[in-house]
């Protein structure tokens, strides 16, 4: 049982780290493309930037969810 909890904690931690990285990259790229889109009116860059910003925020939300689930599983783990 302890091995299963340990593997689940590792899974939540890795998922959270990947989601956090993807979120940071998406938000940063969204800001850069958004600045470019403000200079180039009439292009679809602003919509692309908003999509990247929303994707980054969702990824950060999922990373927070993974962190909370990991903490819950660590808390529920029996003490030896």
Protein backbone atom coordinates (compact mmCIF):
# COMPACT_ATOMS: atom_id res chain seq x y z
CA UNK A 1 0.00 0.00 0.00
CA UNK A 2 2.83 2.39 0.86
CA UNK A 3 4.48 1.72 -2.50
CA UNK A 4 1.25 2.63 -4.29
CA UNK A 5 0.97 5.92 -2.36
CA UNK A 6 4.61 6.73 -3.09
CA UNK A 7 4.13 6.12 -6.82
CA UNK A 8 0.95 8.21 -6.81
CA UNK A 9 2.79 11.07 -5.09
CA UNK A 10 5.56 10.90 -7.67
CA UNK A 11 2.96 10.92 -10.46
CA UNK A 12 1.22 14.00 -9.02
CA UNK A 13 4.55 15.75 -8.52
CA UNK A 14 5.76 15.12 -12.09
CA UNK A 15 2.40 16.12 -13.57
CA UNK A 16 2.45 19.32 -11.53
CA UNK A 17 6.00 20.18 -12.57
CA UNK A 18 5.24 19.63 -16.26
CA UNK A 19 2.02 21.65 -16.03
CA UNK A 20 3.81 24.48 -14.24
CA UNK A 21 6.54 24.59 -16.90
CA UNK A 22 4.02 24.54 -19.76
CA UNK A 23 1.99 27.25 -18.03
CA UNK A 24 4.99 29.55 -17.59
CA UNK A 25 6.09 29.09 -21.20
CA UNK A 26 2.57 29.61 -22.56
CA UNK A 27 1.99 32.77 -20.52
CA UNK A 28 5.37 34.26 -21.44
CA UNK A 29 4.86 33.46 -25.12
CA UNK A 30 1.34 34.89 -24.95
CA UNK A 31 2.64 38.19 -23.61
CA UNK A 32 5.36 38.42 -26.24
CA UNK A 33 2.97 37.63 -29.09
CA UNK A 34 0.40 40.01 -27.58
CA UNK A 35 2.88 42.87 -27.65
CA UNK A 36 3.65 42.06 -31.26
CA UNK A 37 -0.08 41.85 -32.00
CA UNK A 38 -0.69 45.32 -30.58
CA UNK A 39 1.84 46.76 -33.00
CA UNK A 40 0.51 44.83 -36.01
CA UNK A 41 -3.19 45.68 -36.17
CA UNK A 42 -5.47 43.60 -38.31
CA UNK A 43 -3.55 40.39 -37.76
CA UNK A 44 -4.72 37.41 -35.74
CA UNK A 45 -1.81 37.71 -33.32
CA UNK A 46 -3.95 39.10 -30.50
CA UNK A 47 -6.33 36.14 -30.63
CA UNK A 48 -3.38 33.77 -30.64
CA UNK A 49 -1.87 35.58 -27.66
CA UNK A 50 -5.14 35.41 -25.73
CA UNK A 51 -5.38 31.71 -26.46
CA UNK A 52 -1.86 31.17 -25.14
CA UNK A 53 -2.60 33.21 -22.02
CA UNK A 54 -5.74 31.17 -21.30
CA UNK A 55 -3.86 27.93 -21.93
CA UNK A 56 -1.12 29.04 -19.53
CA UNK A 57 -3.63 29.94 -16.83
CA UNK A 58 -5.37 26.57 -17.21
CA UNK A 59 -2.03 24.78 -16.98
CA UNK A 60 -1.18 26.71 -13.82
CA UNK A 61 -4.58 25.78 -12.38
CA UNK A 62 -3.93 22.12 -13.11
CA UNK A 63 -0.50 22.41 -11.47
CA UNK A 64 -2.17 23.80 -8.35
CA UNK A 65 -4.65 20.91 -8.41
CA UNK A 66 -1.76 18.42 -8.65
CA UNK A 67 -0.04 20.07 -5.70
CA UNK A 68 -3.17 19.87 -3.56
CA UNK A 69 -3.77 16.22 -4.46
CA UNK A 70 -0.13 15.37 -3.68
CA UNK A 71 -0.37 17.07 -0.28
CA UNK A 72 -3.58 15.17 0.48
CA UNK A 73 -1.98 11.84 -0.38
CA UNK A 74 1.10 12.65 1.70
CA UNK A 75 -1.15 13.59 4.61
CA UNK A 76 -3.17 10.39 4.28
CA UNK A 77 -0.03 8.25 4.20
CA UNK A 78 0.33 6.16 7.37
CA UNK A 79 3.23 6.98 9.67
CA UNK A 80 5.82 4.24 10.18
